[in-house]
């Protein structure tokens, strides 16, 4: 049974791509880890983001995303947790900027940490929940039936588009890695990344808790 028309998938892909290339905390983490830690940490960060999207896809299929969004308390709880986590990541970056010496290495910040940081950052981002709720239902056709399968396909397509965008982003950022071996340059990069993550945290808190 056909679940989608080609035109529907193309339209979804275009909208999804425009959302994917919009800068956010995920982008900041990938750029910072790729430039400061190298290709391994950058790719681990990219992988963590995609696993976060897998979790959001499953939440959407199970109807839990709609449940979270419909409950102001639960939604604000996710937003608060996401804001606090971004603040924690920002502080970690700023603390790293005070360390004299070399760039981040796999022994200093493991691939697992990079993976988990980006995964949790994505899962705790309320905007991603809203994207799933606002975007996907518009491309689900009830007449074709099997709504869960349609959501699964759309989620997989979104993850594919996100991966295709973020891997080259990681590689491009890594190309600057060799120019950042100066501890002073690294210090400013770590501090700048921390400040940007802090701004994302403040924006998330304001938009989803104060305004929401």
N, C-alpha and C. Protein backbone atom coordinates (compact mmCIF):
# COMPACT_ATOMS: atom_id res chain seq x y z
N UNK A 1 0.84 -1.20 0.00
CA UNK A 1 0.00 0.00 0.00
C UNK A 1 0.88 1.25 0.00
N UNK A 2 0.54 2.19 -0.86
CA UNK A 2 1.29 3.43 -0.93
C UNK A 2 0.96 4.31 0.26
N UNK A 3 1.99 4.76 0.98
CA UNK A 3 1.78 5.61 2.15
C UNK A 3 1.98 7.09 1.83
N UNK A 4 2.75 7.38 0.76
CA UNK A 4 3.03 8.77 0.42
C UNK A 4 3.07 8.95 -1.09
N UNK A 5 2.69 10.14 -1.52
CA UNK A 5 2.94 10.54 -2.90
C UNK A 5 4.32 11.18 -2.95
N UNK A 6 4.97 11.08 -4.08
CA UNK A 6 6.32 11.62 -4.24
C UNK A 6 6.33 13.12 -3.94
N UNK A 7 5.30 13.82 -4.38
CA UNK A 7 5.24 15.27 -4.16
C UNK A 7 5.19 15.59 -2.68
N UNK A 8 4.51 14.74 -1.91
CA UNK A 8 4.43 14.96 -0.46
C UNK A 8 5.80 14.80 0.19
N UNK A 9 6.52 13.77 -0.21
CA UNK A 9 7.85 13.54 0.35
C UNK A 9 8.82 14.66 -0.04
N UNK A 10 8.69 15.15 -1.27
CA UNK A 10 9.56 16.24 -1.72
C UNK A 10 9.25 17.52 -0.94
N UNK A 11 7.98 17.79 -0.73
CA UNK A 11 7.58 18.98 0.03
C UNK A 11 8.07 18.88 1.47
N UNK A 12 7.90 17.71 2.07
CA UNK A 12 8.38 17.51 3.44
C UNK A 12 9.89 17.68 3.51
N UNK A 13 10.60 17.13 2.54
CA UNK A 13 12.07 17.23 2.53
C UNK A 13 12.52 18.67 2.46
N UNK A 14 11.85 19.48 1.67
CA UNK A 14 12.22 20.89 1.53
C UNK A 14 12.01 21.64 2.84
N UNK A 15 10.85 21.44 3.45
CA UNK A 15 10.56 22.12 4.71
C UNK A 15 11.51 21.63 5.80
N UNK A 16 11.74 20.32 5.84
CA UNK A 16 12.63 19.75 6.85
C UNK A 16 14.05 20.29 6.70
N UNK A 17 14.50 20.42 5.46
CA UNK A 17 15.86 20.93 5.22
C UNK A 17 15.99 22.36 5.72
N UNK A 18 14.98 23.18 5.49
CA UNK A 18 15.03 24.57 5.96
C UNK A 18 15.10 24.63 7.48
N UNK A 19 14.42 23.71 8.14
CA UNK A 19 14.46 23.66 9.60
C UNK A 19 15.81 23.14 10.09
N UNK A 20 16.34 22.14 9.39
CA UNK A 20 17.60 21.51 9.79
C UNK A 20 18.77 22.49 9.73
N UNK A 21 18.81 23.33 8.70
CA UNK A 21 19.95 24.23 8.54
C UNK A 21 19.86 25.46 9.44
N UNK A 22 18.73 25.62 10.14
CA UNK A 22 18.62 26.74 11.09
C UNK A 22 19.53 26.46 12.28
N UNK A 23 20.42 27.38 12.62
CA UNK A 23 21.38 27.13 13.71
C UNK A 23 20.69 27.01 15.06
N UNK A 24 21.19 26.09 15.85
CA UNK A 24 20.67 25.88 17.20
C UNK A 24 21.76 25.28 18.07
N UNK A 25 21.41 24.81 19.27
CA UNK A 25 22.41 24.22 20.17
C UNK A 25 23.15 23.04 19.55
N UNK A 26 22.43 22.20 18.76
CA UNK A 26 23.08 21.06 18.12
C UNK A 26 24.22 21.53 17.21
N UNK A 27 23.93 22.55 16.41
CA UNK A 27 24.93 23.09 15.49
C UNK A 27 26.14 23.62 16.25
N UNK A 28 25.89 24.32 17.34
CA UNK A 28 26.97 24.89 18.13
C UNK A 28 27.87 23.79 18.70
N UNK A 29 27.25 22.73 19.20
CA UNK A 29 28.02 21.63 19.77
C UNK A 29 28.88 20.94 18.71
N UNK A 30 28.30 20.72 17.53
CA UNK A 30 29.05 20.07 16.45
C UNK A 30 30.24 20.92 16.02
N UNK A 31 30.01 22.20 15.83
CA UNK A 31 31.09 23.10 15.41
C UNK A 31 32.20 23.15 16.46
N UNK A 32 31.80 23.26 17.73
CA UNK A 32 32.81 23.39 18.79
C UNK A 32 33.60 22.10 18.97
N UNK A 33 32.90 20.97 19.01
CA UNK A 33 33.60 19.71 19.22
C UNK A 33 34.51 19.37 18.03
N UNK A 34 34.07 19.72 16.82
CA UNK A 34 34.87 19.42 15.63
C UNK A 34 36.12 20.27 15.56
N UNK A 35 36.01 21.54 15.94
CA UNK A 35 37.17 22.42 15.88
C UNK A 35 38.11 22.20 17.04
N UNK A 36 37.57 21.98 18.23
CA UNK A 36 38.42 21.84 19.42
C UNK A 36 38.89 20.42 19.66
N UNK A 37 38.04 19.45 19.32
CA UNK A 37 38.39 18.07 19.64
C UNK A 37 38.77 17.20 18.47
N UNK A 38 38.46 17.64 17.26
CA UNK A 38 38.81 16.84 16.11
C UNK A 38 37.64 16.06 15.53
N UNK A 39 37.94 15.30 14.50
CA UNK A 39 36.90 14.64 13.72
C UNK A 39 36.15 13.58 14.54
N UNK A 40 36.85 12.86 15.42
CA UNK A 40 36.20 11.80 16.20
C UNK A 40 35.13 12.36 17.12
N UNK A 41 35.47 13.42 17.86
CA UNK A 41 34.49 14.03 18.76
C UNK A 41 33.36 14.68 17.96
N UNK A 42 33.70 15.26 16.82
CA UNK A 42 32.67 15.88 15.97
C UNK A 42 31.66 14.86 15.49
N UNK A 43 32.15 13.72 15.00
CA UNK A 43 31.26 12.68 14.50
C UNK A 43 30.45 12.05 15.64
N UNK A 44 31.07 11.91 16.82
CA UNK A 44 30.32 11.38 17.97
C UNK A 44 29.19 12.32 18.34
N UNK A 45 29.43 13.62 18.20
CA UNK A 45 28.40 14.62 18.49
C UNK A 45 27.27 14.53 17.46
N UNK A 46 27.62 14.37 16.19
CA UNK A 46 26.62 14.20 15.13
C UNK A 46 25.77 12.96 15.40
N UNK A 47 26.42 11.88 15.78
CA UNK A 47 25.70 10.63 16.07
C UNK A 47 24.72 10.81 17.23
N UNK A 48 25.15 11.54 18.26
CA UNK A 48 24.29 11.78 19.40
C UNK A 48 23.03 12.54 19.02
N UNK A 49 23.18 13.51 18.13
CA UNK A 49 22.02 14.29 17.67
C UNK A 49 21.01 13.38 16.97
N UNK A 50 21.52 12.48 16.13
CA UNK A 50 20.61 11.61 15.38
C UNK A 50 19.87 10.65 16.31
N UNK A 51 20.56 10.15 17.34
CA UNK A 51 19.88 9.27 18.30
C UNK A 51 18.81 10.05 19.05
N UNK A 52 19.09 11.33 19.34
CA UNK A 52 18.08 12.18 19.96
C UNK A 52 16.85 12.30 19.08
N UNK A 53 17.06 12.43 17.77
CA UNK A 53 15.93 12.51 16.84
C UNK A 53 15.18 11.19 16.74
N UNK A 54 15.90 10.08 16.87
CA UNK A 54 15.24 8.78 16.90
C UNK A 54 14.28 8.72 18.09
N UNK A 55 14.74 9.22 19.23
CA UNK A 55 13.89 9.25 20.43
C UNK A 55 12.66 10.12 20.21
N UNK A 56 12.84 11.28 19.57
CA UNK A 56 11.70 12.16 19.29
C UNK A 56 10.72 11.49 18.33
N UNK A 57 11.25 10.76 17.35
CA UNK A 57 10.38 10.05 16.41
C UNK A 57 9.53 9.01 17.12
N UNK A 58 10.16 8.26 18.02
CA UNK A 58 9.43 7.25 18.79
C UNK A 58 8.38 7.90 19.69
N UNK A 59 8.74 9.04 20.29
CA UNK A 59 7.78 9.75 21.15
C UNK A 59 6.57 10.21 20.34
N UNK A 60 6.84 10.67 19.11
CA UNK A 60 5.74 11.12 18.25
C UNK A 60 4.85 9.95 17.86
N UNK A 61 5.45 8.82 17.52
CA UNK A 61 4.68 7.65 17.11
C UNK A 61 3.82 7.14 18.26
N UNK A 62 4.36 7.17 19.47
CA UNK A 62 3.63 6.68 20.64
C UNK A 62 2.64 7.70 21.18
N UNK A 63 2.66 8.91 20.63
CA UNK A 63 1.73 9.94 21.08
C UNK A 63 2.20 10.68 22.32
N UNK A 64 3.43 10.40 22.75
CA UNK A 64 3.92 11.03 23.98
C UNK A 64 4.32 12.49 23.73
N UNK A 65 4.75 12.81 22.53
CA UNK A 65 5.09 14.21 22.21
C UNK A 65 3.86 15.10 22.36
N UNK A 66 2.72 14.61 21.85
CA UNK A 66 1.48 15.38 21.97
C UNK A 66 1.07 15.51 23.43
N UNK A 67 1.30 14.46 24.20
CA UNK A 67 0.97 14.50 25.63
C UNK A 67 1.81 15.54 26.35
N UNK A 68 3.10 15.57 26.05
CA UNK A 68 4.01 16.54 26.69
C UNK A 68 3.61 17.96 26.30
N UNK A 69 3.36 18.16 25.00
CA UNK A 69 3.03 19.50 24.52
C UNK A 69 1.69 19.99 25.06
N UNK A 70 0.77 19.07 25.31
CA UNK A 70 -0.56 19.46 25.79
C UNK A 70 -0.58 19.75 27.28
N UNK A 71 0.46 19.35 27.98
CA UNK A 71 0.54 19.60 29.42
C UNK A 71 1.53 20.73 29.69
N UNK A 72 1.06 21.92 30.05
CA UNK A 72 1.98 23.05 30.32
C UNK A 72 3.06 22.70 31.33
N UNK A 73 2.69 21.94 32.36
CA UNK A 73 3.65 21.59 33.39
C UNK A 73 4.75 20.69 32.84
N UNK A 74 4.37 19.67 32.08
CA UNK A 74 5.36 18.75 31.51
C UNK A 74 6.23 19.45 30.48
N UNK A 75 5.60 20.27 29.63
CA UNK A 75 6.35 20.96 28.59
C UNK A 75 7.36 21.94 29.21
N UNK A 76 6.91 22.69 30.21
CA UNK A 76 7.83 23.63 30.87
C UNK A 76 8.91 22.88 31.64
N UNK A 77 8.57 21.70 32.13
CA UNK A 77 9.58 20.88 32.81
C UNK A 77 10.69 20.47 31.86
N UNK A 78 10.32 20.07 30.64
CA UNK A 78 11.31 19.72 29.62
C UNK A 78 12.15 20.94 29.26
N UNK A 79 11.47 22.08 29.08
CA UNK A 79 12.18 23.31 28.73
C UNK A 79 13.16 23.72 29.83
N UNK A 80 12.73 23.59 31.08
CA UNK A 80 13.61 23.94 32.20
C UNK A 80 14.82 23.01 32.24
N UNK A 81 14.57 21.71 32.07
CA UNK A 81 15.68 20.76 32.07
C UNK A 81 16.64 21.05 30.92
N UNK A 82 16.08 21.37 29.74
CA UNK A 82 16.93 21.69 28.59
C UNK A 82 17.75 22.95 28.82
N UNK A 83 17.13 23.97 29.41
CA UNK A 83 17.84 25.22 29.70
C UNK A 83 18.99 24.98 30.68
N UNK A 84 18.70 24.24 31.74
CA UNK A 84 19.72 23.96 32.75
C UNK A 84 20.86 23.13 32.17
N UNK A 85 20.52 22.20 31.29
CA UNK A 85 21.56 21.38 30.68
C UNK A 85 22.46 22.21 29.77
N UNK A 86 21.87 23.13 29.02
CA UNK A 86 22.67 24.01 28.18
C UNK A 86 23.57 24.90 29.02
N UNK A 87 23.05 25.38 30.15
CA UNK A 87 23.87 26.20 31.05
C UNK A 87 25.05 25.38 31.58
N UNK A 88 24.78 24.13 31.92
CA UNK A 88 25.85 23.25 32.41
C UNK A 88 26.92 23.06 31.34
N UNK A 89 26.49 22.83 30.09
CA UNK A 89 27.45 22.68 28.99
C UNK A 89 28.24 23.97 28.78
N UNK A 90 27.56 25.11 28.88
CA UNK A 90 28.23 26.40 28.72
C UNK A 90 29.30 26.58 29.79
N UNK A 91 28.97 26.25 31.03
CA UNK A 91 29.94 26.39 32.13
C UNK A 91 31.13 25.47 31.91
N UNK A 92 30.86 24.25 31.42
CA UNK A 92 31.95 23.32 31.14
C UNK A 92 32.91 23.88 30.11
N UNK A 93 32.35 24.52 29.06
CA UNK A 93 33.20 25.12 28.03
C UNK A 93 34.01 26.28 28.59
N UNK A 94 33.37 27.11 29.40
CA UNK A 94 34.07 28.26 29.96
C UNK A 94 35.17 27.81 30.93
N UNK A 95 34.92 26.74 31.67
CA UNK A 95 35.94 26.22 32.56
C UNK A 95 37.11 25.65 31.76
N UNK A 96 36.79 25.03 30.62
CA UNK A 96 37.85 24.47 29.77
C UNK A 96 38.72 25.58 29.19
N UNK A 97 38.12 26.76 28.97
CA UNK A 97 38.88 27.87 28.39
C UNK A 97 39.97 28.37 29.33
N UNK A 98 39.84 28.06 30.63
CA UNK A 98 40.83 28.51 31.60
C UNK A 98 42.04 27.59 31.68
N UNK A 99 41.91 26.41 31.04
CA UNK A 99 43.01 25.46 31.10
C UNK A 99 44.06 25.82 30.07
N UNK A 100 45.24 26.05 30.54
CA UNK A 100 46.33 26.33 29.61
C UNK A 100 46.75 25.02 28.98
N UNK A 101 47.18 25.07 27.73
CA UNK A 101 47.75 23.87 27.14
C UNK A 101 47.13 23.50 25.82
N UNK A 102 46.77 22.24 25.69
CA UNK A 102 46.46 21.68 24.39
C UNK A 102 44.97 21.62 24.14
N UNK A 103 44.66 21.19 22.93
CA UNK A 103 43.27 21.03 22.55
C UNK A 103 42.64 19.85 23.27
N UNK A 104 41.33 19.80 23.25
CA UNK A 104 40.63 18.67 23.83
C UNK A 104 41.03 17.41 23.08
N UNK A 105 41.27 16.33 23.79
CA UNK A 105 41.58 15.06 23.16
C UNK A 105 40.58 14.02 23.62
N UNK A 106 40.63 12.86 22.97
CA UNK A 106 39.68 11.81 23.32
C UNK A 106 39.83 11.37 24.77
N UNK A 107 41.06 11.49 25.32
CA UNK A 107 41.26 11.07 26.70
C UNK A 107 40.69 12.08 27.68
N UNK A 108 40.63 13.33 27.29
CA UNK A 108 40.12 14.37 28.17
C UNK A 108 38.60 14.45 28.13
N UNK A 109 38.06 14.30 26.96
CA UNK A 109 36.59 14.33 26.82
C UNK A 109 36.23 13.18 25.92
N UNK A 110 35.73 12.13 26.48
CA UNK A 110 35.54 10.90 25.73
C UNK A 110 34.48 11.04 24.65
N UNK A 111 34.57 10.12 23.71
CA UNK A 111 33.57 10.09 22.65
C UNK A 111 32.18 9.85 23.22
N UNK A 112 32.12 9.06 24.28
CA UNK A 112 30.83 8.79 24.92
C UNK A 112 30.23 10.07 25.49
N UNK A 113 31.07 10.90 26.12
CA UNK A 113 30.57 12.16 26.67
C UNK A 113 30.05 13.08 25.57
N UNK A 114 30.80 13.16 24.47
CA UNK A 114 30.36 13.99 23.35
C UNK A 114 29.05 13.50 22.79
N UNK A 115 28.92 12.18 22.68
CA UNK A 115 27.69 11.56 22.17
C UNK A 115 26.52 11.86 23.09
N UNK A 116 26.71 11.64 24.39
CA UNK A 116 25.63 11.84 25.36
C UNK A 116 25.23 13.31 25.48
N UNK A 117 26.21 14.21 25.43
CA UNK A 117 25.91 15.64 25.52
C UNK A 117 24.97 16.07 24.40
N UNK A 118 25.31 15.68 23.17
CA UNK A 118 24.48 16.12 22.03
C UNK A 118 23.13 15.40 22.03
N UNK A 119 23.11 14.13 22.45
CA UNK A 119 21.85 13.40 22.49
C UNK A 119 20.88 14.04 23.50
N UNK A 120 21.37 14.31 24.70
CA UNK A 120 20.51 14.92 25.73
C UNK A 120 20.12 16.34 25.36
N UNK A 121 21.05 17.07 24.75
CA UNK A 121 20.75 18.44 24.31
C UNK A 121 19.59 18.43 23.31
N UNK A 122 19.58 17.43 22.42
CA UNK A 122 18.51 17.33 21.43
C UNK A 122 17.20 16.87 22.06
N UNK A 123 17.27 15.85 22.91
CA UNK A 123 16.06 15.31 23.53
C UNK A 123 15.36 16.35 24.41
N UNK A 124 16.16 17.17 25.09
CA UNK A 124 15.60 18.14 26.03
C UNK A 124 15.29 19.49 25.38
N UNK A 125 15.35 19.54 24.06
CA UNK A 125 15.04 20.78 23.35
C UNK A 125 13.54 20.80 23.00
N UNK A 126 12.75 21.65 23.67
CA UNK A 126 11.29 21.66 23.41
C UNK A 126 10.95 22.06 21.98
N UNK A 127 11.85 22.78 21.32
CA UNK A 127 11.57 23.18 19.94
C UNK A 127 11.49 21.97 19.03
N UNK A 128 12.30 20.95 19.32
CA UNK A 128 12.26 19.75 18.49
C UNK A 128 10.92 19.04 18.66
N UNK A 129 10.40 19.02 19.89
CA UNK A 129 9.08 18.43 20.12
C UNK A 129 8.02 19.16 19.31
N UNK A 130 8.08 20.49 19.34
CA UNK A 130 7.10 21.28 18.60
C UNK A 130 7.24 21.11 17.10
N UNK A 131 8.47 20.94 16.63
CA UNK A 131 8.70 20.72 15.19
C UNK A 131 8.01 19.43 14.76
N UNK A 132 8.18 18.39 15.57
CA UNK A 132 7.55 17.11 15.24
C UNK A 132 6.03 17.24 15.23
N UNK A 133 5.49 17.99 16.18
CA UNK A 133 4.03 18.13 16.28
C UNK A 133 3.47 19.05 15.20
N UNK A 134 4.24 20.09 14.86
CA UNK A 134 3.74 21.07 13.88
C UNK A 134 4.01 20.63 12.45
N UNK A 135 5.12 19.92 12.24
CA UNK A 135 5.53 19.58 10.88
C UNK A 135 4.89 18.29 10.37
N UNK A 136 5.07 17.22 11.10
CA UNK A 136 4.71 15.90 10.58
C UNK A 136 3.22 15.70 10.31
N UNK A 137 2.32 16.14 11.21
CA UNK A 137 0.90 15.92 10.93
C UNK A 137 0.43 16.54 9.62
N UNK A 138 1.10 17.59 9.18
CA UNK A 138 0.72 18.24 7.92
C UNK A 138 1.01 17.38 6.70
N UNK A 139 1.85 16.36 6.87
CA UNK A 139 2.23 15.52 5.74
C UNK A 139 1.73 14.08 5.89
N UNK A 140 0.94 13.85 6.93
CA UNK A 140 0.32 12.54 7.12
C UNK A 140 -1.04 12.52 6.43
N UNK A 141 -1.27 11.50 5.62
CA UNK A 141 -2.54 11.38 4.90
C UNK A 141 -3.37 10.27 5.53
N UNK A 142 -4.46 10.65 6.19
CA UNK A 142 -5.27 9.68 6.92
C UNK A 142 -5.88 8.65 5.97
N UNK A 143 -6.17 9.03 4.74
CA UNK A 143 -6.79 8.12 3.79
C UNK A 143 -5.88 6.93 3.46
N UNK A 144 -4.57 7.13 3.57
CA UNK A 144 -3.62 6.06 3.27
C UNK A 144 -3.50 5.07 4.44
N UNK A 145 -4.03 5.48 5.62
CA UNK A 145 -4.00 4.60 6.77
C UNK A 145 -2.60 4.45 7.36
N UNK A 146 -2.48 3.60 8.38
CA UNK A 146 -1.20 3.28 9.01
C UNK A 146 -0.42 4.54 9.36
N UNK A 147 -1.01 5.38 10.20
CA UNK A 147 -0.40 6.66 10.56
C UNK A 147 0.95 6.48 11.21
N UNK A 148 1.09 5.47 12.04
CA UNK A 148 2.37 5.24 12.72
C UNK A 148 3.49 4.96 11.73
N UNK A 149 3.18 4.19 10.70
CA UNK A 149 4.19 3.91 9.67
C UNK A 149 4.56 5.18 8.91
N UNK A 150 3.58 6.03 8.67
CA UNK A 150 3.85 7.30 7.99
C UNK A 150 4.76 8.18 8.86
N UNK A 151 4.46 8.23 10.16
CA UNK A 151 5.30 9.03 11.06
C UNK A 151 6.72 8.46 11.13
N UNK A 152 6.83 7.15 11.09
CA UNK A 152 8.15 6.51 11.13
C UNK A 152 8.96 6.87 9.89
N UNK A 153 8.32 6.84 8.73
CA UNK A 153 9.01 7.18 7.48
C UNK A 153 9.42 8.64 7.48
N UNK A 154 8.53 9.52 7.91
CA UNK A 154 8.86 10.95 7.95
C UNK A 154 9.99 11.22 8.94
N UNK A 155 9.95 10.53 10.09
CA UNK A 155 11.01 10.70 11.07
C UNK A 155 12.35 10.22 10.53
N UNK A 156 12.33 9.08 9.83
CA UNK A 156 13.57 8.56 9.24
C UNK A 156 14.11 9.51 8.18
N UNK A 157 13.21 10.09 7.40
CA UNK A 157 13.63 11.04 6.36
C UNK A 157 14.23 12.29 6.98
N UNK A 158 13.63 12.77 8.07
CA UNK A 158 14.17 13.94 8.76
C UNK A 158 15.56 13.65 9.31
N UNK A 159 15.75 12.46 9.88
CA UNK A 159 17.06 12.08 10.41
C UNK A 159 18.09 11.97 9.28
N UNK A 160 17.67 11.43 8.15
CA UNK A 160 18.58 11.32 7.00
C UNK A 160 19.01 12.70 6.52
N UNK A 161 18.06 13.62 6.40
CA UNK A 161 18.38 14.98 5.97
C UNK A 161 19.30 15.66 6.97
N UNK A 162 19.02 15.46 8.24
CA UNK A 162 19.84 16.05 9.30
C UNK A 162 21.26 15.52 9.24
N UNK A 163 21.41 14.21 9.01
CA UNK A 163 22.73 13.59 8.93
C UNK A 163 23.51 14.10 7.72
N UNK A 164 22.83 14.17 6.59
CA UNK A 164 23.48 14.64 5.36
C UNK A 164 23.96 16.08 5.50
N UNK A 165 23.26 16.88 6.32
CA UNK A 165 23.68 18.26 6.55
C UNK A 165 24.80 18.35 7.59
N UNK A 166 24.69 17.58 8.66
CA UNK A 166 25.60 17.76 9.78
C UNK A 166 26.96 17.10 9.60
N UNK A 167 27.04 16.02 8.83
CA UNK A 167 28.36 15.41 8.60
C UNK A 167 29.27 16.35 7.82
N UNK A 168 28.82 16.96 6.69
CA UNK A 168 29.68 17.94 6.02
C UNK A 168 29.99 19.14 6.91
N UNK A 169 29.04 19.53 7.76
CA UNK A 169 29.27 20.63 8.70
C UNK A 169 30.41 20.28 9.64
N UNK A 170 30.40 19.05 10.13
CA UNK A 170 31.47 18.56 11.00
C UNK A 170 32.81 18.56 10.27
N UNK A 171 32.82 18.07 9.04
CA UNK A 171 34.06 18.00 8.27
C UNK A 171 34.59 19.40 7.95
N UNK A 172 33.69 20.32 7.65
CA UNK A 172 34.11 21.70 7.36
C UNK A 172 34.72 22.34 8.60
N UNK A 173 34.10 22.12 9.76
CA UNK A 173 34.63 22.67 11.01
C UNK A 173 35.98 22.04 11.34
N UNK A 174 36.11 20.75 11.06
CA UNK A 174 37.37 20.06 11.35
C UNK A 174 38.52 20.60 10.50
N UNK A 175 38.19 21.13 9.32
CA UNK A 175 39.23 21.67 8.45
C UNK A 175 39.97 22.83 9.10
N UNK A 176 39.32 23.46 10.09
CA UNK A 176 39.96 24.56 10.81
C UNK A 176 40.74 24.07 12.03
N UNK A 177 40.64 22.76 12.29
CA UNK A 177 41.25 22.19 13.50
C UNK A 177 42.75 22.47 13.59
N UNK A 178 43.45 22.34 12.47
CA UNK A 178 44.91 22.50 12.50
C UNK A 178 45.34 23.93 12.77
N UNK A 179 44.43 24.88 12.56
CA UNK A 179 44.78 26.28 12.81
C UNK A 179 44.49 26.70 14.24
N UNK A 180 43.94 25.79 15.03
CA UNK A 180 43.49 26.15 16.38
C UNK A 180 44.33 25.49 17.47
N UNK A 181 45.57 25.16 17.16
CA UNK A 181 46.43 24.51 18.13
C UNK A 181 47.00 25.49 19.15
N UNK A 182 46.88 26.76 18.85
CA UNK A 182 47.35 27.78 19.79
C UNK A 182 46.42 27.81 21.00
N UNK A 183 46.97 27.62 22.21
CA UNK A 183 46.13 27.61 23.42
C UNK A 183 45.30 28.87 23.59
N UNK A 184 45.84 30.01 23.17
CA UNK A 184 45.10 31.27 23.30
C UNK A 184 43.87 31.27 22.40
N UNK A 185 44.05 30.78 21.17
CA UNK A 185 42.93 30.70 20.23
C UNK A 185 41.87 29.75 20.78
N UNK A 186 42.32 28.61 21.31
CA UNK A 186 41.39 27.63 21.88
C UNK A 186 40.61 28.25 23.04
N UNK A 187 41.29 29.05 23.84
CA UNK A 187 40.64 29.68 24.99
C UNK A 187 39.47 30.55 24.54
N UNK A 188 39.69 31.34 23.50
CA UNK A 188 38.62 32.21 23.03
C UNK A 188 37.48 31.41 22.39
N UNK A 189 37.82 30.32 21.71
CA UNK A 189 36.79 29.47 21.09
C UNK A 189 35.92 28.82 22.16
N UNK A 190 36.57 28.28 23.20
CA UNK A 190 35.82 27.65 24.28
C UNK A 190 34.92 28.66 24.98
N UNK A 191 35.46 29.84 25.24
CA UNK A 191 34.68 30.88 25.91
C UNK A 191 33.51 31.34 25.03
N UNK A 192 33.80 31.52 23.73
CA UNK A 192 32.75 31.95 22.81
C UNK A 192 31.65 30.92 22.69
N UNK A 193 32.04 29.63 22.60
CA UNK A 193 31.05 28.56 22.52
C UNK A 193 30.20 28.53 23.78
N UNK A 194 30.83 28.74 24.93
CA UNK A 194 30.09 28.77 26.20
C UNK A 194 29.08 29.90 26.23
N UNK A 195 29.49 31.06 25.76
CA UNK A 195 28.59 32.22 25.75
C UNK A 195 27.39 31.98 24.84
N UNK A 196 27.64 31.38 23.68
CA UNK A 196 26.55 31.12 22.73
C UNK A 196 25.57 30.10 23.30
N UNK A 197 26.10 29.04 23.93
CA UNK A 197 25.23 28.05 24.55
C UNK A 197 24.42 28.68 25.68
N UNK A 198 25.04 29.60 26.40
CA UNK A 198 24.33 30.30 27.48
C UNK A 198 23.17 31.12 26.89
N UNK A 199 23.41 31.77 25.76
CA UNK A 199 22.36 32.55 25.11
C UNK A 199 21.21 31.65 24.65
N UNK A 200 21.56 30.47 24.11
CA UNK A 200 20.53 29.52 23.71
C UNK A 200 19.69 29.10 24.93
N UNK A 201 20.37 28.91 26.07
CA UNK A 201 19.67 28.50 27.30
C UNK A 201 18.71 29.58 27.75
N UNK A 202 19.16 30.84 27.73
CA UNK A 202 18.32 31.96 28.14
C UNK A 202 17.12 32.08 27.20
N UNK A 203 17.37 31.95 25.88
CA UNK A 203 16.28 32.04 24.91
C UNK A 203 15.27 30.92 25.10
N UNK A 204 15.76 29.70 25.36
CA UNK A 204 14.87 28.57 25.59
C UNK A 204 14.01 28.79 26.83
N UNK A 205 14.63 29.30 27.88
CA UNK A 205 13.90 29.56 29.13
C UNK A 205 12.85 30.64 28.93
N UNK A 206 13.22 31.72 28.24
CA UNK A 206 12.31 32.85 28.05
C UNK A 206 11.13 32.46 27.15
N UNK A 207 11.43 31.80 26.04
CA UNK A 207 10.38 31.48 25.06
C UNK A 207 9.39 30.42 25.57
N UNK A 208 9.91 29.45 26.31
CA UNK A 208 9.08 28.31 26.67
C UNK A 208 8.55 28.33 28.10
N UNK A 209 9.16 29.14 28.96
CA UNK A 209 8.72 29.17 30.36
C UNK A 209 8.10 30.52 30.73
N UNK A 210 8.81 31.59 30.43
CA UNK A 210 8.29 32.92 30.77
C UNK A 210 7.16 33.31 29.82
N UNK A 211 7.46 33.26 28.50
CA UNK A 211 6.43 33.61 27.53
C UNK A 211 5.35 32.55 27.44
N UNK A 212 5.79 31.27 27.54
CA UNK A 212 4.85 30.16 27.40
C UNK A 212 3.85 30.12 28.53
